[in-house]
C-alpha cells in the first residue's frame, strides 16, 4: 500500500492500516516539519471536534492531543464599540470544540505513524505520475533530484487540495472536477501573550469580530497568545475600503483597524509588521467525482473534498474519511475495489454537504451572529432542543458534537431553520410563543433522530 501525503489524514490513515496489519509506505513532498519550519503547510489553528476525536481515540492518540488542546465553549463576540457578548456552542460545558495547533497535531501523528508501523516516512518525495494499469507510482526526490518509482497494491491520495494524484486521475475519461475560489482571502496575525505569559482575552472561547461582509477571528494557543485570522474580500469592487486591495497601501491599515477592530488593534503593537510580512491566503472548495479507480486508487481528505474553514470541519471530515475506510476494511478485508467503491458511495454525499454547510456558516459568522433576530432564533432553538432532544437537534450540534451524517444534518437543518423562521416571525420573547403549537410543528416536520455512537 502506498499513501501519498503525510499530512494529518495520511499519517492517521497509516496508523489505522498498521493496526490492521496492512503494510503502507508514506511519501510526502515537503521536508520533515519536525526538523524544519519549511513546508509546514497551512498554519490556521484547527477546531478539533467529535468526529476527529473519535478517530484519535480509535488510534490511541486522543489523550496525548488533549494535553495540547484548549476547550472553546462558545463564541465571544466583539462589537465595534467594544461591547462583548457570548454565544454558547452546546447545551452546557460538556459540549465544546478544541483549539489545537495544526503543526503540533501533525507532528504527533507522524511520530505515532513511524513508531507503530516501524517505517520511516519518505519526505521531499513529490508524486509525478501514476501508471494505473501497472499500479506504479512515480516520484521525484526534490532534495537529491532522484527520480524513482514504486509498485503499489493500491494507492491512497491524501496529498491535499492541490493533489498531484487527483491531477493524474483527471486524465481518466469522465472525471468531473470543480474548483471554486472564494472572492475572499485571509491574513494570519498574532495577539501575543501578556507580560506574565497570560491570555489577554477570554481563553476558552473562539473570538469573532463580525462586521457584515468581513470578519476577524481569534483562537487561543497554549502559551497564551491568540492566532487571529482576518477574512476580507480581495478587491475594492466587492469590499471597497474593507478589502485586501485597499489595505495594500500601508497608510490604510491602521485606520481600518481603528474603525473596525480597535480592541484587537490595542493588543497587536506590531500589526503593520505582521500584516505586510505574512502571505495572503486563499479560500477554495474542491468537489470531484469519481474518487476511485477500480482497485488501484482512491482520494481521501482535501484531495477529494477541500472546503472553506468556517465550520471547523476540514480536518474532522478527513479523519472521518479514515474512520469509514477503516470500518469497510473490517468488512471486506483487502478487497480494495469493494472497499473503495463503498467508501466513495458513503462519503461523497456527506462531504458535498459539509462543503455547503461550511459556506453557509461563513455567512452566519460574519453577518448573522450579531443580528438580534438570529440571536432570538437561537434561544427558540435551545428551547425546542430541551423539549424535543431526540427530534429537534441544533444543526451545529449535529455537525460538531455528534457523528450524524453531514448530509442528514444539512437536510434536517433546513427543515429546522424553516420552523425557527415561522416561530420567530413577529415575536420578540420566548413567552410570546405558543409552545404546544411549536411542538406540533416539530413533530409533524421531523422524525426521531438516529444518532451514531461517539
Protein backbone atom coordinates (compact mmCIF):
# COMPACT_ATOMS: atom_id res chain seq x y z
CA UNK A 1 0.00 0.00 0.00
CA UNK A 2 1.23 3.50 -0.86
CA UNK A 3 -0.07 6.63 0.87
CA UNK A 4 0.76 9.85 -0.97
CA UNK A 5 0.85 12.65 1.58
CA UNK A 6 1.93 12.67 5.24
CA UNK A 7 -0.35 15.43 6.41
CA UNK A 8 -2.96 14.91 9.09
CA UNK A 9 -5.09 12.39 7.16
CA UNK A 10 -2.21 10.44 5.62
CA UNK A 11 -0.39 10.00 8.92
CA UNK A 12 -3.60 8.96 10.70
CA UNK A 13 -4.51 6.50 7.95
CA UNK A 14 -1.11 4.81 8.12
CA UNK A 15 -1.76 4.11 11.82
CA UNK A 16 -5.18 2.64 11.07
CA UNK A 17 -3.56 0.39 8.46
CA UNK A 18 -0.80 -0.71 10.83
CA UNK A 19 -3.36 -1.70 13.42
CA UNK A 20 -4.94 -3.97 10.79
CA UNK A 21 -1.60 -5.45 9.76
CA UNK A 22 -1.59 -3.67 6.39
CA UNK A 23 1.88 -2.53 5.33
CA UNK A 24 1.84 1.02 3.99
CA UNK A 25 4.65 3.31 2.85
CA UNK A 26 4.04 7.05 3.17
CA UNK A 27 5.55 9.62 0.79
CA UNK A 28 5.46 13.37 1.41
CA UNK A 29 6.53 16.13 -0.99
CA UNK A 30 7.52 18.56 1.77
CA UNK A 31 10.53 18.35 4.10
CA UNK A 32 10.07 16.80 7.53
CA UNK A 33 8.27 19.51 9.52
CA UNK A 34 9.65 18.01 12.74
CA UNK A 35 13.16 19.04 11.66
CA UNK A 36 12.49 22.20 9.70
CA UNK A 37 9.95 25.01 9.62
CA UNK A 38 9.94 24.83 5.83
CA UNK A 39 6.92 23.29 4.20
CA UNK A 40 4.77 23.12 7.30
CA UNK A 41 1.68 23.86 5.24
CA UNK A 42 -1.33 25.81 6.43
CA UNK A 43 -0.98 27.36 9.84
CA UNK A 44 -4.55 28.25 10.72
CA UNK A 45 -5.40 26.71 14.09
CA UNK A 46 -7.74 23.77 13.95
CA UNK A 47 -11.01 23.18 15.75
CA UNK A 48 -10.99 19.55 16.83
CA UNK A 49 -14.47 18.17 17.50
CA UNK A 50 -16.31 14.87 17.90
CA UNK A 51 -15.57 13.27 14.52
CA UNK A 52 -11.86 13.97 14.80
CA UNK A 53 -11.79 12.96 18.46
CA UNK A 54 -13.46 9.65 17.60
CA UNK A 55 -10.68 8.85 15.12
CA UNK A 56 -7.90 9.88 17.51
CA UNK A 57 -9.42 7.70 20.22
CA UNK A 58 -9.51 4.73 17.84
CA UNK A 59 -5.75 5.00 17.22
CA UNK A 60 -4.97 5.75 20.87
CA UNK A 61 -3.73 9.33 20.44
CA UNK A 62 -6.53 11.44 21.90
CA UNK A 63 -5.22 11.57 25.47
CA UNK A 64 -1.93 12.99 24.20
CA UNK A 65 -3.61 15.53 21.88
CA UNK A 66 -5.95 16.59 24.65
CA UNK A 67 -2.91 17.88 26.54
CA UNK A 68 -2.14 20.34 23.73
CA UNK A 69 -5.76 21.41 23.18
CA UNK A 70 -7.74 24.31 24.64
CA UNK A 71 -11.52 23.91 25.09
CA UNK A 72 -13.64 26.65 23.49
CA UNK A 73 -17.16 26.69 24.90
CA UNK A 74 -18.62 29.25 22.53
CA UNK A 75 -18.20 32.41 20.51
CA UNK A 76 -17.09 35.62 22.18
CA UNK A 77 -18.47 38.42 20.01
CA UNK A 78 -16.68 41.77 19.83
CA UNK A 79 -18.93 44.66 18.75
CA UNK A 80 -17.42 47.75 17.09
CA UNK A 81 -17.92 49.75 20.29
CA UNK A 82 -16.01 47.14 22.32
CA UNK A 83 -19.08 45.51 23.87
CA UNK A 84 -18.62 41.77 24.47
CA UNK A 85 -21.24 39.03 24.35
CA UNK A 86 -21.08 35.24 24.47
CA UNK A 87 -22.91 32.58 22.42
CA UNK A 88 -22.53 29.05 23.77
CA UNK A 89 -21.86 26.28 21.23
CA UNK A 90 -23.57 23.44 23.07
CA UNK A 91 -26.14 22.85 25.77
CA UNK A 92 -23.58 23.23 28.59
CA UNK A 93 -19.85 23.00 29.36
CA UNK A 94 -19.74 19.33 28.36
CA UNK A 95 -20.01 20.38 24.71
CA UNK A 96 -17.11 22.33 23.28
CA UNK A 97 -14.64 22.45 20.43
CA UNK A 98 -10.88 22.27 20.91
CA UNK A 99 -8.28 24.72 19.62
CA UNK A 100 -5.22 22.75 18.59
CA UNK A 101 -2.11 23.61 16.61
CA UNK A 102 -2.13 22.04 13.15
CA UNK A 103 1.64 21.65 13.27
CA UNK A 104 1.72 20.03 16.72
CA UNK A 105 -1.05 17.61 15.80
CA UNK A 106 0.67 16.68 12.54
CA UNK A 107 3.98 16.09 14.32
CA UNK A 108 2.29 13.83 16.87
CA UNK A 109 0.60 11.82 14.13
CA UNK A 110 3.87 11.46 12.20
CA UNK A 111 5.64 10.24 15.34
CA UNK A 112 2.88 7.73 16.02
CA UNK A 113 2.90 6.56 12.41
CA UNK A 114 6.62 5.83 12.42
CA UNK A 115 6.61 4.24 15.87
CA UNK A 116 3.68 1.92 15.26
CA UNK A 117 4.48 1.00 11.64
CA UNK A 118 8.25 0.74 12.06
CA UNK A 119 8.53 2.54 8.70
CA UNK A 120 10.03 5.94 8.09
CA UNK A 121 8.00 8.48 6.14
CA UNK A 122 9.91 9.43 2.98
CA UNK A 123 9.99 13.21 2.75
CA UNK A 124 10.87 15.52 -0.18
CA UNK A 125 9.17 12.97 -2.43
CA UNK A 126 6.92 14.66 -4.96
CA UNK A 127 4.45 12.47 -6.88
CA UNK A 128 4.99 12.96 -10.61
CA UNK A 129 2.72 10.31 -12.13
CA UNK A 130 0.78 7.06 -11.80
CA UNK A 131 0.66 4.10 -14.14
CA UNK A 132 -2.87 2.93 -13.34
CA UNK A 133 -2.59 -0.29 -15.34
CA UNK A 134 0.72 -1.31 -13.77
CA UNK A 135 -0.03 0.11 -10.30
CA UNK A 136 3.22 2.05 -10.28
CA UNK A 137 3.66 5.48 -8.66
CA UNK A 138 6.46 7.79 -9.80
CA UNK A 139 8.22 10.31 -7.57
CA UNK A 140 11.00 12.88 -7.69
CA UNK A 141 13.15 13.48 -4.65
CA UNK A 142 13.29 17.27 -4.59
CA UNK A 143 16.34 17.21 -2.32
CA UNK A 144 18.55 14.95 -4.45
CA UNK A 145 16.87 15.22 -7.84
CA UNK A 146 16.47 11.42 -7.99
CA UNK A 147 13.52 10.04 -9.95
CA UNK A 148 12.15 6.76 -8.62
CA UNK A 149 9.07 4.54 -8.90
CA UNK A 150 7.32 2.19 -6.51
CA UNK A 151 4.89 -0.62 -7.12
CA UNK A 152 1.73 -0.47 -5.05
CA UNK A 153 -1.00 -2.91 -4.12
CA UNK A 154 -3.19 0.21 -4.04
CA UNK A 155 -2.74 3.97 -3.65
CA UNK A 156 -4.44 6.32 -1.21
CA UNK A 157 -4.11 10.01 -2.07
CA UNK A 158 -4.00 12.25 1.00
CA UNK A 159 -1.97 14.97 -0.71
CA UNK A 160 -4.27 17.93 -0.16
CA UNK A 161 -6.35 20.39 -2.09
CA UNK A 162 -3.85 20.65 -4.94
CA UNK A 163 -3.43 16.86 -5.11
CA UNK A 164 -0.95 15.52 -7.66
CA UNK A 165 -2.76 12.17 -7.63
CA UNK A 166 -6.05 13.86 -8.46
CA UNK A 167 -4.31 15.62 -11.36
CA UNK A 168 -3.38 12.20 -12.70
CA UNK A 169 -6.95 10.96 -12.26
CA UNK A 170 -8.21 13.92 -14.28
CA UNK A 171 -6.62 12.27 -17.32
CA UNK A 172 -9.10 9.40 -16.96
CA UNK A 173 -12.21 9.85 -19.16
CA UNK A 174 -15.38 11.22 -17.46
CA UNK A 175 -13.61 12.55 -14.37
CA UNK A 176 -15.60 15.51 -13.05
CA UNK A 177 -13.80 18.30 -11.25
CA UNK A 178 -14.91 21.64 -9.82
CA UNK A 179 -12.59 24.09 -8.09
CA UNK A 180 -14.13 27.30 -6.79
CA UNK A 181 -12.17 30.10 -5.17
CA UNK A 182 -13.98 32.49 -2.88
CA UNK A 183 -13.51 36.18 -3.60
CA UNK A 184 -12.14 36.35 -0.07
CA UNK A 185 -8.63 35.96 1.23
CA UNK A 186 -7.14 35.93 4.68
CA UNK A 187 -4.21 37.25 6.65
CA UNK A 188 -2.98 35.44 9.73
CA UNK A 189 -1.93 37.63 12.66
CA UNK A 190 -0.99 37.11 16.30
CA UNK A 191 -2.10 38.65 19.58
CA UNK A 192 0.84 37.95 21.88
CA UNK A 193 0.55 36.73 25.44
CA UNK A 194 0.68 39.22 28.30
CA UNK A 195 3.88 40.21 30.06
CA UNK A 196 3.18 37.49 32.63
CA UNK A 197 2.54 34.90 29.93
CA UNK A 198 -1.21 35.03 30.46
CA UNK A 199 -4.04 35.43 27.99
CA UNK A 200 -5.09 39.00 27.13
CA UNK A 201 -8.63 37.86 26.21
CA UNK A 202 -11.00 35.13 27.37
CA UNK A 203 -9.06 31.87 26.95
CA UNK A 204 -11.88 29.36 26.44
CA UNK A 205 -13.69 30.94 23.53
CA UNK A 206 -13.41 31.46 19.80
CA UNK A 207 -13.36 35.24 19.40
CA UNK A 208 -15.22 36.81 16.49
CA UNK A 209 -15.38 40.39 15.32
CA UNK A 210 -18.35 40.10 12.87
CA UNK A 211 -18.61 43.07 10.53
CA UNK A 212 -21.14 42.12 7.88
CA UNK A 213 -19.17 41.26 4.75
CA UNK A 214 -15.90 40.56 6.59
CA UNK A 215 -14.60 39.47 9.99
CA UNK A 216 -11.67 38.83 12.29
CA UNK A 217 -11.46 35.66 14.38
CA UNK A 218 -9.02 34.52 17.08
CA UNK A 219 -8.24 31.12 18.59
CA UNK A 220 -6.16 30.57 21.75
CA UNK A 221 -2.72 28.97 21.85
CA UNK A 222 -1.21 27.11 24.80
CA UNK A 223 1.49 29.69 25.51
CA UNK A 224 -1.05 32.49 25.97
CA UNK A 225 -1.15 34.01 22.50
CA UNK A 226 -4.06 34.05 20.04
CA UNK A 227 -3.84 33.18 16.36
CA UNK A 228 -6.02 35.71 14.55
CA UNK A 229 -7.33 35.44 11.01
CA UNK A 230 -8.64 38.43 9.09
CA UNK A 231 -11.06 37.48 6.30
CA UNK A 232 -11.66 40.19 3.69
CA UNK A 233 -12.83 40.46 0.07
CA UNK A 234 -9.87 40.56 -2.28
CA UNK A 235 -10.82 43.59 -4.32
CA UNK A 236 -12.37 47.01 -3.90
CA UNK A 237 -15.21 46.18 -6.30
CA UNK A 238 -16.69 43.88 -3.66
CA UNK A 239 -15.28 45.31 -0.44
CA UNK A 240 -14.36 48.95 -1.09
CA UNK A 241 -12.33 50.20 1.88
CA UNK A 242 -12.92 46.86 3.59
CA UNK A 243 -10.83 44.84 1.16
CA UNK A 244 -7.36 43.37 0.87
CA UNK A 245 -6.76 45.54 -2.17
CA UNK A 246 -7.44 48.71 -0.14
CA UNK A 247 -5.04 47.54 2.56
CA UNK A 248 -2.21 47.06 0.08
CA UNK A 249 -1.46 50.73 0.75
CA UNK A 250 0.25 50.78 4.14
CA UNK A 251 -1.32 54.06 5.22
CA UNK A 252 -4.77 52.40 5.16
CA UNK A 253 -4.10 49.54 7.58
CA UNK A 254 -4.13 51.25 10.99
CA UNK A 255 -7.16 53.47 10.20
CA UNK A 256 -9.01 50.34 9.02
CA UNK A 257 -8.34 48.57 12.34
CA UNK A 258 -9.16 51.72 14.33
CA UNK A 259 -12.59 51.82 12.64
CA UNK A 260 -13.40 48.14 12.81
CA UNK A 261 -11.30 46.31 15.42
CA UNK A 262 -10.00 48.90 17.92
CA UNK A 263 -9.80 46.44 20.83
CA UNK A 264 -7.81 43.95 18.72
CA UNK A 265 -5.54 46.73 17.47
CA UNK A 266 -4.69 47.65 21.06
CA UNK A 267 -3.39 44.11 21.58
CA UNK A 268 -1.22 43.97 18.42
CA UNK A 269 1.56 46.58 18.74
CA UNK A 270 3.39 45.16 15.72
CA UNK A 271 0.29 44.83 13.50
CA UNK A 272 1.80 46.59 10.50
CA UNK A 273 4.95 44.47 10.52
CA UNK A 274 2.89 41.29 10.85
CA UNK A 275 0.38 42.18 8.19
CA UNK A 276 2.85 43.04 5.45
CA UNK A 277 5.28 40.21 6.16
CA UNK A 278 2.66 37.45 6.18
CA UNK A 279 1.33 35.93 2.95
CA UNK A 280 -2.27 36.31 1.84
CA UNK A 281 -4.16 33.01 1.93
CA UNK A 282 -6.90 31.89 -0.44
CA UNK A 283 -10.14 30.01 0.22
CA UNK A 284 -11.13 27.19 -2.07
CA UNK A 285 -13.77 24.48 -2.38
CA UNK A 286 -13.00 21.32 -4.36
CA UNK A 287 -15.59 18.78 -5.47
CA UNK A 288 -14.80 15.90 -7.81
CA UNK A 289 -16.04 12.50 -8.93
CA UNK A 290 -15.17 9.67 -9.08
CA UNK A 291 -12.79 9.47 -6.15
CA UNK A 292 -11.77 5.94 -7.04
CA UNK A 293 -10.40 3.94 -9.97
CA UNK A 294 -11.08 0.23 -9.61
CA UNK A 295 -8.84 -1.36 -7.01
CA UNK A 296 -5.96 0.99 -7.84
CA UNK A 297 -6.53 4.34 -6.16
CA UNK A 298 -8.83 6.44 -4.04
CA UNK A 299 -8.78 10.06 -2.92
CA UNK A 300 -9.22 10.98 0.74
CA UNK A 301 -9.45 14.24 2.68
CA UNK A 302 -8.79 17.53 0.92
CA UNK A 303 -7.66 15.78 -2.26
CA UNK A 304 -11.30 14.68 -2.68
CA UNK A 305 -13.21 17.47 -0.94
CA UNK A 306 -11.38 20.62 0.13
CA UNK A 307 -13.71 23.03 1.92
CA UNK A 308 -13.59 26.52 3.40
CA UNK A 309 -12.76 26.57 7.14
CA UNK A 310 -15.87 28.22 8.54
CA UNK A 311 -17.45 25.19 10.20
CA UNK A 312 -14.14 23.93 11.55
CA UNK A 313 -14.73 20.59 9.83
CA UNK A 314 -11.97 20.20 7.23
CA UNK A 315 -9.74 18.05 9.41
CA UNK A 316 -12.68 16.39 11.16
CA UNK A 317 -14.20 15.39 7.81
CA UNK A 318 -10.87 13.98 6.61
CA UNK A 319 -10.46 12.00 9.84
CA UNK A 320 -13.99 10.66 9.40
CA UNK A 321 -12.96 9.51 5.89
CA UNK A 322 -10.23 7.47 7.59
CA UNK A 323 -12.71 6.07 10.12
CA UNK A 324 -15.14 4.95 7.40
CA UNK A 325 -12.40 3.46 5.23
CA UNK A 326 -11.07 1.54 8.23
CA UNK A 327 -14.55 0.22 9.06
CA UNK A 328 -15.01 -1.01 5.48
CA UNK A 329 -11.66 -2.80 5.55
CA UNK A 330 -13.04 -4.55 8.62
CA UNK A 331 -15.97 -5.73 6.50
CA UNK A 332 -14.27 -6.51 3.17
CA UNK A 333 -10.63 -7.01 4.09
CA UNK A 334 -8.17 -6.03 1.34
CA UNK A 335 -10.74 -6.32 -1.45
CA UNK A 336 -9.86 -2.80 -2.48
CA UNK A 337 -12.35 -2.46 -5.32
CA UNK A 338 -15.24 -3.15 -2.91
CA UNK A 339 -13.74 -1.04 -0.13
CA UNK A 340 -13.08 1.97 -2.38
CA UNK A 341 -16.46 1.83 -4.11
CA UNK A 342 -18.42 1.63 -0.86
CA UNK A 343 -16.27 4.29 0.80
CA UNK A 344 -16.98 6.65 -2.10
CA UNK A 345 -20.71 5.93 -2.00
CA UNK A 346 -20.88 6.69 1.73
CA UNK A 347 -18.63 9.73 1.88
CA UNK A 348 -19.27 11.66 -1.35
CA UNK A 349 -22.82 12.89 -0.43
CA UNK A 350 -21.64 13.79 3.06
CA UNK A 351 -18.57 15.74 2.02
CA UNK A 352 -20.63 17.64 -0.56
CA UNK A 353 -22.98 18.51 2.30
CA UNK A 354 -20.26 19.77 4.65
CA UNK A 355 -18.86 21.92 1.83
CA UNK A 356 -22.26 23.60 1.55
CA UNK A 357 -22.61 23.85 5.33
CA UNK A 358 -19.18 25.50 5.62
CA UNK A 359 -20.11 28.17 3.10
CA UNK A 360 -23.39 28.79 4.94
CA UNK A 361 -21.54 29.16 8.23
CA UNK A 362 -19.28 31.85 6.77
CA UNK A 363 -22.37 33.99 6.24
CA UNK A 364 -23.56 33.18 9.76
CA UNK A 365 -20.25 34.09 11.38
CA UNK A 366 -19.64 37.37 9.57
CA UNK A 367 -23.24 38.59 9.05
CA UNK A 368 -25.73 36.95 11.40
CA UNK A 369 -24.23 36.30 14.83
CA UNK A 370 -24.71 39.93 15.86
CA UNK A 371 -28.24 40.16 14.43
CA UNK A 372 -30.99 40.38 17.11
CA UNK A 373 -33.40 38.11 15.24
CA UNK A 374 -30.68 35.49 14.73
CA UNK A 375 -29.94 35.60 18.45
CA UNK A 376 -33.64 35.22 19.27
CA UNK A 377 -33.91 32.23 16.94
CA UNK A 378 -31.00 30.65 18.80
CA UNK A 379 -32.98 30.96 22.03
CA UNK A 380 -36.00 29.29 20.39
CA UNK A 381 -33.70 26.57 19.05
CA UNK A 382 -32.30 25.88 22.52
CA UNK A 383 -35.81 25.64 24.00
CA UNK A 384 -37.02 23.26 21.27
CA UNK A 385 -33.91 21.11 21.79
CA UNK A 386 -34.71 20.98 25.52
CA UNK A 387 -38.32 19.95 24.82
CA UNK A 388 -37.54 17.52 21.96
CA UNK A 389 -33.96 16.27 22.45
CA UNK A 390 -34.39 13.26 20.14
CA UNK A 391 -36.14 15.17 17.35
CA UNK A 392 -35.02 18.80 17.22
CA UNK A 393 -31.22 18.87 17.48
CA UNK A 394 -29.43 22.11 16.53
CA UNK A 395 -27.59 21.89 13.23
CA UNK A 396 -24.35 22.99 14.86
CA UNK A 397 -24.67 20.17 17.41
CA UNK A 398 -25.38 17.56 14.73
CA UNK A 399 -22.24 18.60 12.85
CA UNK A 400 -19.90 19.29 15.75
CA UNK A 401 -20.90 17.24 18.79
CA UNK A 402 -22.47 14.19 17.12
CA UNK A 403 -21.46 11.89 14.29
CA UNK A 404 -24.70 12.41 12.39
CA UNK A 405 -24.01 12.15 8.63
CA UNK A 406 -23.34 15.62 7.24
CA UNK A 407 -25.99 15.14 4.56
CA UNK A 408 -28.58 14.38 7.23
CA UNK A 409 -27.51 17.43 9.24
CA UNK A 410 -27.89 19.61 6.14
CA UNK A 411 -31.34 18.22 5.32
CA UNK A 412 -32.69 18.44 8.87
CA UNK A 413 -31.04 21.80 9.38
CA UNK A 414 -33.05 23.31 6.52
CA UNK A 415 -36.30 21.96 7.95
CA UNK A 416 -35.44 23.26 11.41
CA UNK A 417 -34.50 26.67 10.04
CA UNK A 418 -37.91 26.98 8.42
CA UNK A 419 -39.54 26.13 11.79
CA UNK A 420 -37.44 28.79 13.52
CA UNK A 421 -38.36 31.33 10.86
CA UNK A 422 -42.07 30.67 11.46
CA UNK A 423 -41.84 30.79 15.25
CA UNK A 424 -39.72 33.95 15.34
CA UNK A 425 -41.87 35.88 12.86
CA UNK A 426 -43.47 38.82 14.66
CA UNK A 427 -42.35 37.69 18.13
CA UNK A 428 -39.59 39.04 20.35
CA UNK A 429 -39.71 36.94 23.53
CA UNK A 430 -39.97 33.25 24.33
CA UNK A 431 -43.07 33.97 26.45
CA UNK A 432 -44.94 35.04 23.31
CA UNK A 433 -44.56 31.66 21.60
CA UNK A 434 -47.34 29.06 21.66
CA UNK A 435 -45.20 26.10 22.65
CA UNK A 436 -47.92 23.50 22.12
CA UNK A 437 -48.22 24.71 18.52
CA UNK A 438 -44.44 24.78 18.22
CA UNK A 439 -44.20 21.18 19.45
CA UNK A 440 -46.84 20.06 16.99
CA UNK A 441 -44.91 21.75 14.18
CA UNK A 442 -41.71 19.96 15.19
CA UNK A 443 -43.38 16.56 15.46
CA UNK A 444 -45.09 16.98 12.07
CA UNK A 445 -41.88 18.04 10.32
CA UNK A 446 -39.21 15.80 11.86
CA UNK A 447 -38.78 12.18 12.89
CA UNK A 448 -36.79 10.79 15.80
CA UNK A 449 -33.07 11.14 15.18
CA UNK A 450 -30.80 8.14 14.67
CA UNK A 451 -27.63 9.17 16.48
CA UNK A 452 -24.39 7.21 15.86
CA UNK A 453 -22.40 6.39 18.96
CA UNK A 454 -19.46 8.65 19.66
